[in-house]
Structure formats: C-alpha cells, structure tokens
Amino acid sequence: MATTHIDAEPADIAPTVLLPGDPLRARHIAQTVLDDARQVTARRNMLGFTGRWQGQPVTVMGGGMGIPSTAIYVTELARTYGVRRIIRIGTCGGLGAANLGDVLLAQSASTDSRFNRMQFGGHDLSAGADFGLLRAAVDAAAGMGLPVRVAPVFSSDCFYDGAPDLLDHLRRHHIAGIEMEAAGLYGLAMREGFAALAILTVSDQLDRGQHMPAEQREQGLERMARLALASAASA
C-alpha cells in the first residue's frame, strides 16, 4: 500500500533505489539510463520511476534537499517497501585536493545535524557506507575507466550562512566534500538494515571558487547513475 509520501504500490518499488535529490534529475536518469521506465509515484511532485537495467528492476526517485527530507523517503522505502540498497547520487562542494568534476565515494559522513544523535541516545554515531557497496563501486569504476576518490564527507544542515569556521575544521580533518544528506542516509541504513552509499560529483571547488556548468552537471549525473547501477549489480 502507499505511504504518506510515496503513492506507489509495494510491487512498484524495486529492491535497489537510486536517490538523487531533485525529482527532475530522477526523471532524466529514468529516461536516459533505464529500460522500460514508468512513473510509479508523484505525490508532492517527488517523482519516482521504476525500470530495468541489464534486466534487473531498479527504482530512481527524488529525495529532496537535506537530511529531514531524505529521511522521510528513505524510512518509508525501507520500512514499507523493503528496499535493500539505496544509493544517493548528487553533487557536493569540494575541498583540498578534490578537483572540479571528481567523483567521490563517501566512505563516511560527519555532520552538524542532530538527526543521528537523536536516535542514538545523544551520542556520536560513526555514520559509514556499506562496505560491500563501496568495494563494488571502486571495482566498477575501475572497470569503467572512471577515476574515483574514496573519502570522508560532511553533511551540513545549512546551505547558506553556516558556522563561519566550518570549512577550516573540514580542511584540518581532510574532509573532501560537503553536501547535505549522506550522514542521515548512512545513519538510517544502520538502523533500518539496508545497504547505503553516496556517490557525489564535485560541482563546486570551494577553495578555488570554481563552478561546474549546467551541461557538465547533467553529464556527471548520468555517469554516477551508471556507476551506481554497476555497483548495486555486483555488490
């Protein structure tokens, strides 16, 4: 049956879900990467599509911006639809040696959000990727000839006007990228028992003031989607 935020029937959602933030990016992936894709949910205009990749069912749907939005969809996907793998594909700001256009495989995700602490007794949770998916992504990238960087990232609740010294702390701890969702996804994966990975393209190099043009972002999205699908297939 449908949930509060997803109006798909259980059979309409595949065991593997690709989760970009933007529902229009989900539609683009479905139209360009999947075979026989059909729309299965559109509640609140958070579009979701299910199709096939190399004969296997796959769902791609938007998750929104930030941990609270992502957590709503991820929780319902895990609890009601029994999803076993969720791979976030998105963009991030890069720091240090992370160059514009680099693909980061988020090994772990620190955060300034209290989301994980609230469900972990007020303690710090070590929010990490599923090792099987991470290893599969590294191997799949090598097979595709796609350079990737396995690195820690930081998930911030603030897109604008966060802590003024945050970037200094991230650089000091060799955090390669900053985004808004991975820590919540990883915390939920640990609690709900599914495998999760965040694959991110550096769209903005924060130390050098470099920004990726829109066309390049679109190409990066398709590249990440194919890497995510190859990873899920072999994990």
C-alpha atoms as a PDB file:
ATOM      1  CA  MET A   1       0.000   0.000   0.000  1.00  0.00           C
ATOM      2  CA  ALA A   2       1.065   3.624  -0.485  1.00  0.00           C
ATOM      3  CA  THR A   3       2.669   5.626   2.312  1.00  0.00           C
ATOM      4  CA  THR A   4       2.139   9.188   3.453  1.00  0.00           C
ATOM      5  CA  HIS A   5       4.727  10.499   0.989  1.00  0.00           C
ATOM      6  CA  ILE A   6       5.017   7.784  -1.702  1.00  0.00           C
ATOM      7  CA  ASP A   7       1.935   6.774  -3.675  1.00  0.00           C
ATOM      8  CA  ALA A   8       3.410   3.636  -5.260  1.00  0.00           C
ATOM      9  CA  GLU A   9       2.182   0.131  -4.588  1.00  0.00           C
ATOM     10  CA  PRO A  10       4.745  -2.195  -2.943  1.00  0.00           C
ATOM     11  CA  ALA A  11       5.360  -4.129  -6.156  1.00  0.00           C
ATOM     12  CA  ASP A  12       6.164  -0.881  -7.978  1.00  0.00           C
ATOM     13  CA  ILE A  13       9.352  -0.204  -5.997  1.00  0.00           C
ATOM     14  CA  ALA A  14      12.484  -2.227  -6.766  1.00  0.00           C
ATOM     15  CA  PRO A  15      14.907  -3.579  -4.124  1.00  0.00           C
ATOM     16  CA  THR A  16      17.531  -1.128  -5.417  1.00  0.00           C
ATOM     17  CA  VAL A  17      16.807   2.611  -5.376  1.00  0.00           C
ATOM     18  CA  LEU A  18      18.888   5.444  -6.803  1.00  0.00           C
ATOM     19  CA  LEU A  19      18.167   8.632  -4.883  1.00  0.00           C
ATOM     20  CA  PRO A  20      19.077  11.991  -6.405  1.00  0.00           C
ATOM     21  CA  GLY A  21      17.757  14.988  -4.541  1.00  0.00           C
ATOM     22  CA  ASP A  22      15.950  16.580  -7.484  1.00  0.00           C
ATOM     23  CA  PRO A  23      12.884  14.707  -8.842  1.00  0.00           C
ATOM     24  CA  LEU A  24      13.598  16.109 -12.315  1.00  0.00           C
ATOM     25  CA  ARG A  25      17.032  14.520 -12.163  1.00  0.00           C
ATOM     26  CA  ALA A  26      15.303  11.263 -11.272  1.00  0.00           C
ATOM     27  CA  ARG A  27      13.160  11.591 -14.387  1.00  0.00           C
ATOM     28  CA  HIS A  28      16.221  12.343 -16.521  1.00  0.00           C
ATOM     29  CA  ILE A  29      18.014   9.246 -15.237  1.00  0.00           C
ATOM     30  CA  ALA A  30      14.955   7.080 -15.834  1.00  0.00           C
ATOM     31  CA  GLN A  31      14.638   8.335 -19.418  1.00  0.00           C
ATOM     32  CA  THR A  32      18.302   8.067 -20.341  1.00  0.00           C
ATOM     33  CA  VAL A  33      19.685   5.129 -18.358  1.00  0.00           C
ATOM     34  CA  LEU A  34      16.855   2.683 -17.573  1.00  0.00           C
ATOM     35  CA  ASP A  35      14.908   0.453 -19.944  1.00  0.00           C
ATOM     36  CA  ASP A  36      11.093   0.429 -19.934  1.00  0.00           C
ATOM     37  CA  ALA A  37      10.916   3.066 -17.194  1.00  0.00           C
ATOM     38  CA  ARG A  38       7.479   4.061 -15.918  1.00  0.00           C
ATOM     39  CA  GLN A  39       6.446   6.603 -13.343  1.00  0.00           C
ATOM     40  CA  VAL A  40       5.313   4.944 -10.109  1.00  0.00           C
ATOM     41  CA  THR A  41       4.945   7.879  -7.712  1.00  0.00           C
ATOM     42  CA  ALA A  42       4.340  11.615  -7.950  1.00  0.00           C
ATOM     43  CA  ARG A  43       2.999  12.564  -4.529  1.00  0.00           C
ATOM     44  CA  ARG A  44       4.052  16.142  -3.650  1.00  0.00           C
ATOM     45  CA  ASN A  45       5.737  16.135  -7.085  1.00  0.00           C
ATOM     46  CA  MET A  46       8.541  13.933  -5.732  1.00  0.00           C
ATOM     47  CA  LEU A  47       8.741  11.833  -8.876  1.00  0.00           C
ATOM     48  CA  GLY A  48       9.779   8.191  -8.869  1.00  0.00           C
ATOM     49  CA  PHE A  49      10.289   5.753 -11.733  1.00  0.00           C
ATOM     50  CA  THR A  50      10.902   2.024 -11.998  1.00  0.00           C
ATOM     51  CA  GLY A  51      12.555   0.365 -14.957  1.00  0.00           C
ATOM     52  CA  ARG A  52      15.242  -2.179 -15.718  1.00  0.00           C
ATOM     53  CA  TRP A  53      18.996  -2.087 -16.050  1.00  0.00           C
ATOM     54  CA  GLN A  54      20.612  -5.160 -17.572  1.00  0.00           C
ATOM     55  CA  GLY A  55      17.348  -6.975 -16.915  1.00  0.00           C
ATOM     56  CA  GLN A  56      17.180  -6.135 -13.199  1.00  0.00           C
ATOM     57  CA  PRO A  57      14.470  -3.905 -11.695  1.00  0.00           C
ATOM     58  CA  VAL A  58      15.653  -0.513 -10.421  1.00  0.00           C
ATOM     59  CA  THR A  59      13.791   2.460  -8.995  1.00  0.00           C
ATOM     60  CA  VAL A  60      15.028   6.033  -9.177  1.00  0.00           C
ATOM     61  CA  MET A  61      13.258   8.780  -7.270  1.00  0.00           C
ATOM     62  CA  GLY A  62      13.911  12.170  -5.753  1.00  0.00           C
ATOM     63  CA  GLY A  63      14.655  12.555  -2.074  1.00  0.00           C
ATOM     64  CA  GLY A  64      14.625  16.320  -1.646  1.00  0.00           C
ATOM     65  CA  MET A  65      17.222  18.559  -0.013  1.00  0.00           C
ATOM     66  CA  GLY A  66      18.687  17.997   3.420  1.00  0.00           C
ATOM     67  CA  ILE A  67      18.583  15.177   5.946  1.00  0.00           C
ATOM     68  CA  PRO A  68      14.955  15.682   7.122  1.00  0.00           C
ATOM     69  CA  SER A  69      13.520  15.347   3.599  1.00  0.00           C
ATOM     70  CA  THR A  70      15.790  12.458   2.668  1.00  0.00           C
ATOM     71  CA  ALA A  71      14.965  10.679   5.923  1.00  0.00           C
ATOM     72  CA  ILE A  72      11.237  10.730   5.225  1.00  0.00           C
ATOM     73  CA  TYR A  73      11.586   8.989   1.867  1.00  0.00           C
ATOM     74  CA  VAL A  74      14.339   6.626   2.943  1.00  0.00           C
ATOM     75  CA  THR A  75      12.431   5.490   6.042  1.00  0.00           C
ATOM     76  CA  GLU A  76       9.297   4.754   4.025  1.00  0.00           C
ATOM     77  CA  LEU A  77      11.293   2.980   1.307  1.00  0.00           C
ATOM     78  CA  ALA A  78      12.950   0.752   3.897  1.00  0.00           C
ATOM     79  CA  ARG A  79      10.017   0.041   6.204  1.00  0.00           C
ATOM     80  CA  THR A  80       7.095  -0.184   3.803  1.00  0.00           C
ATOM     81  CA  TYR A  81       8.703  -1.175   0.516  1.00  0.00           C
ATOM     82  CA  GLY A  82      11.509  -3.384   1.841  1.00  0.00           C
ATOM     83  CA  VAL A  83      14.218  -1.681  -0.201  1.00  0.00           C
ATOM     84  CA  ARG A  84      17.605  -3.369   0.305  1.00  0.00           C
ATOM     85  CA  ARG A  85      20.005  -0.877  -1.346  1.00  0.00           C
ATOM     86  CA  ILE A  86      19.802   2.919  -1.566  1.00  0.00           C
ATOM     87  CA  ILE A  87      22.482   4.826  -3.440  1.00  0.00           C
ATOM     88  CA  ARG A  88      22.457   8.594  -3.235  1.00  0.00           C
ATOM     89  CA  ILE A  89      23.768  10.283  -6.364  1.00  0.00           C
ATOM     90  CA  GLY A  90      24.325  14.001  -6.189  1.00  0.00           C
ATOM     91  CA  THR A  91      26.729  16.891  -6.133  1.00  0.00           C
ATOM     92  CA  CYS A  92      28.923  18.362  -3.439  1.00  0.00           C
ATOM     93  CA  GLY A  93      31.323  21.154  -2.756  1.00  0.00           C
ATOM     94  CA  GLY A  94      34.938  20.026  -2.920  1.00  0.00           C
ATOM     95  CA  LEU A  95      37.807  20.919  -0.613  1.00  0.00           C
ATOM     96  CA  GLY A  96      41.573  20.491  -0.757  1.00  0.00           C
ATOM     97  CA  ALA A  97      42.702  18.025  -3.407  1.00  0.00           C
ATOM     98  CA  ALA A  98      39.154  17.290  -4.594  1.00  0.00           C
ATOM     99  CA  ASN A  99      39.005  18.810  -8.061  1.00  0.00           C
ATOM    100  CA  LEU A 100      36.026  20.074 -10.007  1.00  0.00           C
ATOM    101  CA  GLY A 101      34.342  17.076 -11.643  1.00  0.00           C
ATOM    102  CA  ASP A 102      35.921  14.481  -9.343  1.00  0.00           C
ATOM    103  CA  VAL A 103      33.681  11.601  -8.274  1.00  0.00           C
ATOM    104  CA  LEU A 104      33.735  10.975  -4.529  1.00  0.00           C
ATOM    105  CA  LEU A 105      32.651   7.720  -2.916  1.00  0.00           C
ATOM    106  CA  ALA A 106      31.646   8.803   0.574  1.00  0.00           C
ATOM    107  CA  GLN A 107      33.292   6.347   2.953  1.00  0.00           C
ATOM    108  CA  SER A 108      31.893   8.167   5.981  1.00  0.00           C
ATOM    109  CA  ALA A 109      29.810  11.262   6.677  1.00  0.00           C
ATOM    110  CA  SER A 110      30.226  13.642   9.582  1.00  0.00           C
ATOM    111  CA  THR A 111      27.534  16.234  10.229  1.00  0.00           C
ATOM    112  CA  ASP A 112      26.370  19.272  12.175  1.00  0.00           C
ATOM    113  CA  SER A 113      22.848  17.813  12.226  1.00  0.00           C
ATOM    114  CA  ARG A 114      21.397  16.307  15.408  1.00  0.00           C
ATOM    115  CA  PHE A 115      19.399  13.755  13.418  1.00  0.00           C
ATOM    116  CA  ASN A 116      21.577  10.724  14.202  1.00  0.00           C
ATOM    117  CA  ARG A 117      22.234  11.812  17.787  1.00  0.00           C
ATOM    118  CA  MET A 118      18.508  11.991  18.499  1.00  0.00           C
ATOM    119  CA  GLN A 119      18.200   8.306  17.618  1.00  0.00           C
ATOM    120  CA  PHE A 120      21.497   7.221  19.181  1.00  0.00           C
ATOM    121  CA  GLY A 121      20.963   8.300  22.764  1.00  0.00           C
ATOM    122  CA  GLY A 122      22.644  11.672  22.286  1.00  0.00           C
ATOM    123  CA  HIS A 123      25.945  10.026  21.345  1.00  0.00           C
ATOM    124  CA  ASP A 124      28.063  10.480  18.219  1.00  0.00           C
ATOM    125  CA  LEU A 125      27.306   7.854  15.566  1.00  0.00           C
ATOM    126  CA  SER A 126      30.056   6.768  13.192  1.00  0.00           C
ATOM    127  CA  ALA A 127      27.977   7.015  10.014  1.00  0.00           C
ATOM    128  CA  GLY A 128      29.619   4.987   7.266  1.00  0.00           C
ATOM    129  CA  ALA A 129      28.857   3.479   3.887  1.00  0.00           C
ATOM    130  CA  ASP A 130      28.084  -0.185   3.374  1.00  0.00           C
ATOM    131  CA  PHE A 131      31.446  -1.826   2.687  1.00  0.00           C
ATOM    132  CA  GLY A 132      30.068  -4.222   0.068  1.00  0.00           C
ATOM    133  CA  LEU A 133      28.597  -1.373  -1.978  1.00  0.00           C
ATOM    134  CA  LEU A 134      31.690   0.767  -1.507  1.00  0.00           C
ATOM    135  CA  ARG A 135      34.013  -2.010  -2.647  1.00  0.00           C
ATOM    136  CA  ALA A 136      31.734  -2.805  -5.588  1.00  0.00           C
ATOM    137  CA  ALA A 137      31.747   0.872  -6.603  1.00  0.00           C
ATOM    138  CA  VAL A 138      35.548   1.013  -6.530  1.00  0.00           C
ATOM    139  CA  ASP A 139      35.751  -2.123  -8.691  1.00  0.00           C
ATOM    140  CA  ALA A 140      33.024  -0.938 -11.070  1.00  0.00           C
ATOM    141  CA  ALA A 141      34.708   2.433 -11.504  1.00  0.00           C
ATOM    142  CA  ALA A 142      37.980   0.701 -12.383  1.00  0.00           C
ATOM    143  CA  GLY A 143      36.155  -1.386 -14.970  1.00  0.00           C
ATOM    144  CA  MET A 144      34.616   1.767 -16.462  1.00  0.00           C
ATOM    145  CA  GLY A 145      37.955   3.592 -16.507  1.00  0.00           C
ATOM    146  CA  LEU A 146      36.426   6.193 -14.188  1.00  0.00           C
ATOM    147  CA  PRO A 147      38.770   7.715 -11.596  1.00  0.00           C
ATOM    148  CA  VAL A 148      37.124   7.955  -8.176  1.00  0.00           C
ATOM    149  CA  ARG A 149      38.221   9.168  -4.775  1.00  0.00           C
ATOM    150  CA  VAL A 150      37.175   7.260  -1.619  1.00  0.00           C
ATOM    151  CA  ALA A 151      36.927   9.946   1.026  1.00  0.00           C
ATOM    152  CA  PRO A 152      35.046  11.246   4.064  1.00  0.00           C
ATOM    153  CA  VAL A 153      32.409  13.916   3.505  1.00  0.00           C
ATOM    154  CA  PHE A 154      30.426  16.298   5.689  1.00  0.00           C
ATOM    155  CA  SER A 155      26.629  16.708   5.668  1.00  0.00           C
ATOM    156  CA  SER A 156      25.544  20.185   6.707  1.00  0.00           C
ATOM    157  CA  ASP A 157      22.094  21.408   7.688  1.00  0.00           C
ATOM    158  CA  CYS A 158      22.989  24.844   6.311  1.00  0.00           C
ATOM    159  CA  PHE A 159      23.338  25.678   2.638  1.00  0.00           C
ATOM    160  CA  TYR A 160      23.736  29.373   3.456  1.00  0.00           C
ATOM    161  CA  ASP A 161      25.373  31.026   6.463  1.00  0.00           C
ATOM    162  CA  GLY A 162      26.581  28.013   8.441  1.00  0.00           C
ATOM    163  CA  ALA A 163      29.292  28.110  11.103  1.00  0.00           C
ATOM    164  CA  PRO A 164      31.939  30.603   9.884  1.00  0.00           C
ATOM    165  CA  ASP A 165      34.859  28.336  10.779  1.00  0.00           C
ATOM    166  CA  LEU A 166      33.325  25.109   9.438  1.00  0.00           C
ATOM    167  CA  LEU A 167      35.456  24.866   6.309  1.00  0.00           C
ATOM    168  CA  ASP A 168      38.612  25.297   8.362  1.00  0.00           C
ATOM    169  CA  HIS A 169      37.616  22.315  10.514  1.00  0.00           C
ATOM    170  CA  LEU A 170      36.855  20.236   7.417  1.00  0.00           C
ATOM    171  CA  ARG A 171      40.201  21.037   5.832  1.00  0.00           C
ATOM    172  CA  ARG A 172      42.034  20.238   9.064  1.00  0.00           C
ATOM    173  CA  HIS A 173      40.417  16.792   9.131  1.00  0.00           C
ATOM    174  CA  HIS A 174      40.922  16.156   5.402  1.00  0.00           C
ATOM    175  CA  ILE A 175      37.203  16.091   4.602  1.00  0.00           C
ATOM    176  CA  ALA A 176      36.956  16.059   0.800  1.00  0.00           C
ATOM    177  CA  GLY A 177      33.372  17.185   0.209  1.00  0.00           C
ATOM    178  CA  ILE A 178      30.437  18.972   1.800  1.00  0.00           C
ATOM    179  CA  GLU A 179      26.788  18.174   0.990  1.00  0.00           C
ATOM    180  CA  MET A 180      23.505  17.818   2.904  1.00  0.00           C
ATOM    181  CA  GLU A 181      22.239  14.222   3.020  1.00  0.00           C
ATOM    182  CA  ALA A 182      24.792  11.393   3.335  1.00  0.00           C
ATOM    183  CA  ALA A 183      25.090  11.312   7.147  1.00  0.00           C
ATOM    184  CA  GLY A 184      21.338  10.903   7.552  1.00  0.00           C
ATOM    185  CA  LEU A 185      21.196   8.228   4.852  1.00  0.00           C
ATOM    186  CA  TYR A 186      24.019   6.262   6.478  1.00  0.00           C
ATOM    187  CA  GLY A 187      22.513   6.546   9.951  1.00  0.00           C
ATOM    188  CA  LEU A 188      19.162   5.285   8.694  1.00  0.00           C
ATOM    189  CA  ALA A 189      20.835   2.430   6.813  1.00  0.00           C
ATOM    190  CA  MET A 190      22.443   1.267  10.059  1.00  0.00           C
ATOM    191  CA  ARG A 191      19.144   1.460  11.949  1.00  0.00           C
ATOM    192  CA  GLU A 192      16.848   0.044   9.265  1.00  0.00           C
ATOM    193  CA  GLY A 193      19.221  -2.651   7.981  1.00  0.00           C
ATOM    194  CA  PHE A 194      19.731  -1.757   4.321  1.00  0.00           C
ATOM    195  CA  ALA A 195      22.923  -1.038   2.381  1.00  0.00           C
ATOM    196  CA  ALA A 196      23.715   2.576   1.514  1.00  0.00           C
ATOM    197  CA  LEU A 197      26.300   4.518  -0.430  1.00  0.00           C
ATOM    198  CA  ALA A 198      26.627   8.147  -1.532  1.00  0.00           C
ATOM    199  CA  ILE A 199      28.286   8.847  -4.885  1.00  0.00           C
ATOM    200  CA  LEU A 200      28.992  12.540  -5.370  1.00  0.00           C
ATOM    201  CA  THR A 201      30.395  14.708  -8.141  1.00  0.00           C
ATOM    202  CA  VAL A 202      32.326  17.808  -7.091  1.00  0.00           C
ATOM    203  CA  SER A 203      30.267  20.557  -8.731  1.00  0.00           C
ATOM    204  CA  ASP A 204      31.897  23.469  -6.880  1.00  0.00           C
ATOM    205  CA  GLN A 205      35.524  23.704  -5.751  1.00  0.00           C
ATOM    206  CA  LEU A 206      35.202  25.852  -2.653  1.00  0.00           C
ATOM    207  CA  ASP A 207      38.904  26.591  -2.172  1.00  0.00           C
ATOM    208  CA  ARG A 208      39.328  27.834  -5.752  1.00  0.00           C
ATOM    209  CA  GLY A 209      35.942  29.383  -6.482  1.00  0.00           C
ATOM    210  CA  GLN A 210      35.326  27.035  -9.425  1.00  0.00           C
ATOM    211  CA  HIS A 211      31.816  26.025 -10.527  1.00  0.00           C
ATOM    212  CA  MET A 212      30.645  23.348 -12.935  1.00  0.00           C
ATOM    213  CA  PRO A 213      28.375  24.488 -15.800  1.00  0.00           C
ATOM    214  CA  ALA A 214      24.872  23.001 -16.012  1.00  0.00           C
ATOM    215  CA  GLU A 215      25.630  20.765 -19.006  1.00  0.00           C
ATOM    216  CA  GLN A 216      28.595  19.221 -17.204  1.00  0.00           C
ATOM    217  CA  ARG A 217      26.441  18.562 -14.121  1.00  0.00           C
ATOM    218  CA  GLU A 218      23.979  16.644 -16.298  1.00  0.00           C
ATOM    219  CA  GLN A 219      26.748  14.515 -17.805  1.00  0.00           C
ATOM    220  CA  GLY A 220      28.113  13.833 -14.332  1.00  0.00           C
ATOM    221  CA  LEU A 221      24.681  12.698 -13.178  1.00  0.00           C
ATOM    222  CA  GLU A 222      24.437  10.042 -15.891  1.00  0.00           C
ATOM    223  CA  ARG A 223      27.991   8.886 -15.147  1.00  0.00           C
ATOM    224  CA  MET A 224      27.158   8.499 -11.434  1.00  0.00           C
ATOM    225  CA  ALA A 225      23.923   6.680 -12.238  1.00  0.00           C
ATOM    226  CA  ARG A 226      25.725   4.112 -14.384  1.00  0.00           C
ATOM    227  CA  LEU A 227      28.363   3.651 -11.697  1.00  0.00           C
ATOM    228  CA  ALA A 228      25.673   3.225  -9.023  1.00  0.00           C
ATOM    229  CA  LEU A 229      23.846   0.621 -11.106  1.00  0.00           C
ATOM    230  CA  ALA A 230      27.007  -1.338 -11.833  1.00  0.00           C
ATOM    231  CA  SER A 231      27.883  -1.236  -8.120  1.00  0.00           C
ATOM    232  CA  ALA A 232      24.485  -2.475  -6.993  1.00  0.00           C
ATOM    233  CA  ALA A 233      24.542  -5.273  -9.560  1.00  0.00           C
ATOM    234  CA  SER A 234      27.816  -6.701  -8.252  1.00  0.00           C
ATOM    235  CA  ALA A 235      27.560  -5.958  -4.510  1.00  0.00           C
END
